[in-house]
Amino acid sequence: MMLMASNVGKPDSPYNLRVLNATHDSVTLTWQPGFSGGVDQRFQVRYEEVGGEGMKYEDVVPRSASVYTVKG
């Protein structure tokens, strides 16, 4: 029996997180995905609205660079 090495590994964290724009009811974020580990990456933006009742989560599937706007 022959074992073959897998090219799948632990993904790296995203980097270069920046705020592109912020208004009274939205914020646009951008970041660069880290090494994918050999699988499709998915990110989750977690935020809390002022006066809100807990954290909210938005799933984001990036390309080579990610841009996402949180509204409300």
Protein backbone atom coordinates (compact mmCIF):
# COMPACT_ATOMS: atom_id res chain seq x y z
CA MET A 1 0.00 0.00 0.00
CA MET A 2 1.35 3.42 -0.96
CA LEU A 3 0.37 6.60 0.89
CA MET A 4 0.36 9.89 -0.97
CA ALA A 5 0.88 13.28 0.65
CA SER A 6 -2.10 15.60 0.59
CA ASN A 7 -1.82 19.23 -0.52
CA VAL A 8 -4.49 20.24 1.96
CA GLY A 9 -3.36 22.06 5.08
CA LYS A 10 -4.48 24.56 7.69
CA PRO A 11 -5.54 27.83 6.01
CA ASP A 12 -3.88 31.11 6.97
CA SER A 13 -5.79 34.04 8.41
CA PRO A 14 -6.78 36.90 6.11
CA TYR A 15 -4.51 39.94 6.15
CA ASN A 16 -4.47 43.63 5.20
CA LEU A 17 -7.96 44.25 6.65
CA ARG A 18 -9.00 47.84 5.87
CA VAL A 19 -12.07 50.04 6.04
CA LEU A 20 -12.71 51.41 2.55
CA ASN A 21 -15.68 53.57 3.48
CA ALA A 22 -17.87 54.29 6.48
CA THR A 23 -21.18 56.15 6.57
CA HIS A 24 -23.85 56.65 9.22
CA ASP A 25 -25.42 53.28 8.35
CA SER A 26 -22.76 51.16 6.61
CA VAL A 27 -19.11 50.17 6.56
CA THR A 28 -17.23 48.68 3.61
CA LEU A 29 -14.37 46.33 4.47
CA THR A 30 -11.66 44.79 2.33
CA TRP A 31 -9.02 42.14 3.02
CA GLN A 32 -6.68 39.71 1.29
CA PRO A 33 -7.31 36.03 1.91
CA GLY A 34 -4.33 34.10 3.28
CA PHE A 35 -3.16 30.75 1.93
CA SER A 36 -6.28 28.67 1.39
CA GLY A 37 -4.87 25.39 2.64
CA GLY A 38 -5.88 23.84 -0.67
CA VAL A 39 -9.64 24.25 -0.25
CA ASP A 40 -12.19 26.96 -1.11
CA GLN A 41 -12.17 29.67 1.54
CA ARG A 42 -15.20 31.16 3.21
CA PHE A 43 -15.14 34.03 5.67
CA GLN A 44 -17.61 35.21 8.25
CA VAL A 45 -17.96 38.90 9.10
CA ARG A 46 -19.15 39.27 12.68
CA TYR A 47 -20.49 42.59 13.96
CA GLU A 48 -22.80 44.17 16.48
CA GLU A 49 -25.14 47.05 15.70
CA VAL A 50 -25.19 49.99 18.10
CA GLY A 51 -28.10 49.32 20.44
CA GLY A 52 -28.45 45.83 19.00
CA GLU A 53 -29.19 42.69 20.95
CA GLY A 54 -26.15 40.60 20.09
CA MET A 55 -23.74 39.66 17.36
CA LYS A 56 -24.75 39.26 13.73
CA TYR A 57 -22.95 37.08 11.21
CA GLU A 58 -22.61 37.37 7.44
CA ASP A 59 -20.96 34.65 5.33
CA VAL A 60 -18.64 35.88 2.57
CA VAL A 61 -17.10 33.76 -0.21
CA PRO A 62 -14.10 35.66 -1.61
CA ARG A 63 -12.22 35.66 -4.88
CA SER A 64 -8.56 36.82 -4.84
CA ALA A 65 -9.46 39.87 -2.76
CA SER A 66 -12.60 40.43 -0.73
CA VAL A 67 -14.80 43.49 -0.39
CA TYR A 68 -17.89 43.43 1.78
CA THR A 69 -20.36 46.10 2.93
CA VAL A 70 -22.24 45.78 6.21
CA LYS A 71 -25.45 47.82 6.01
CA GLY A 72 -27.85 48.98 8.69
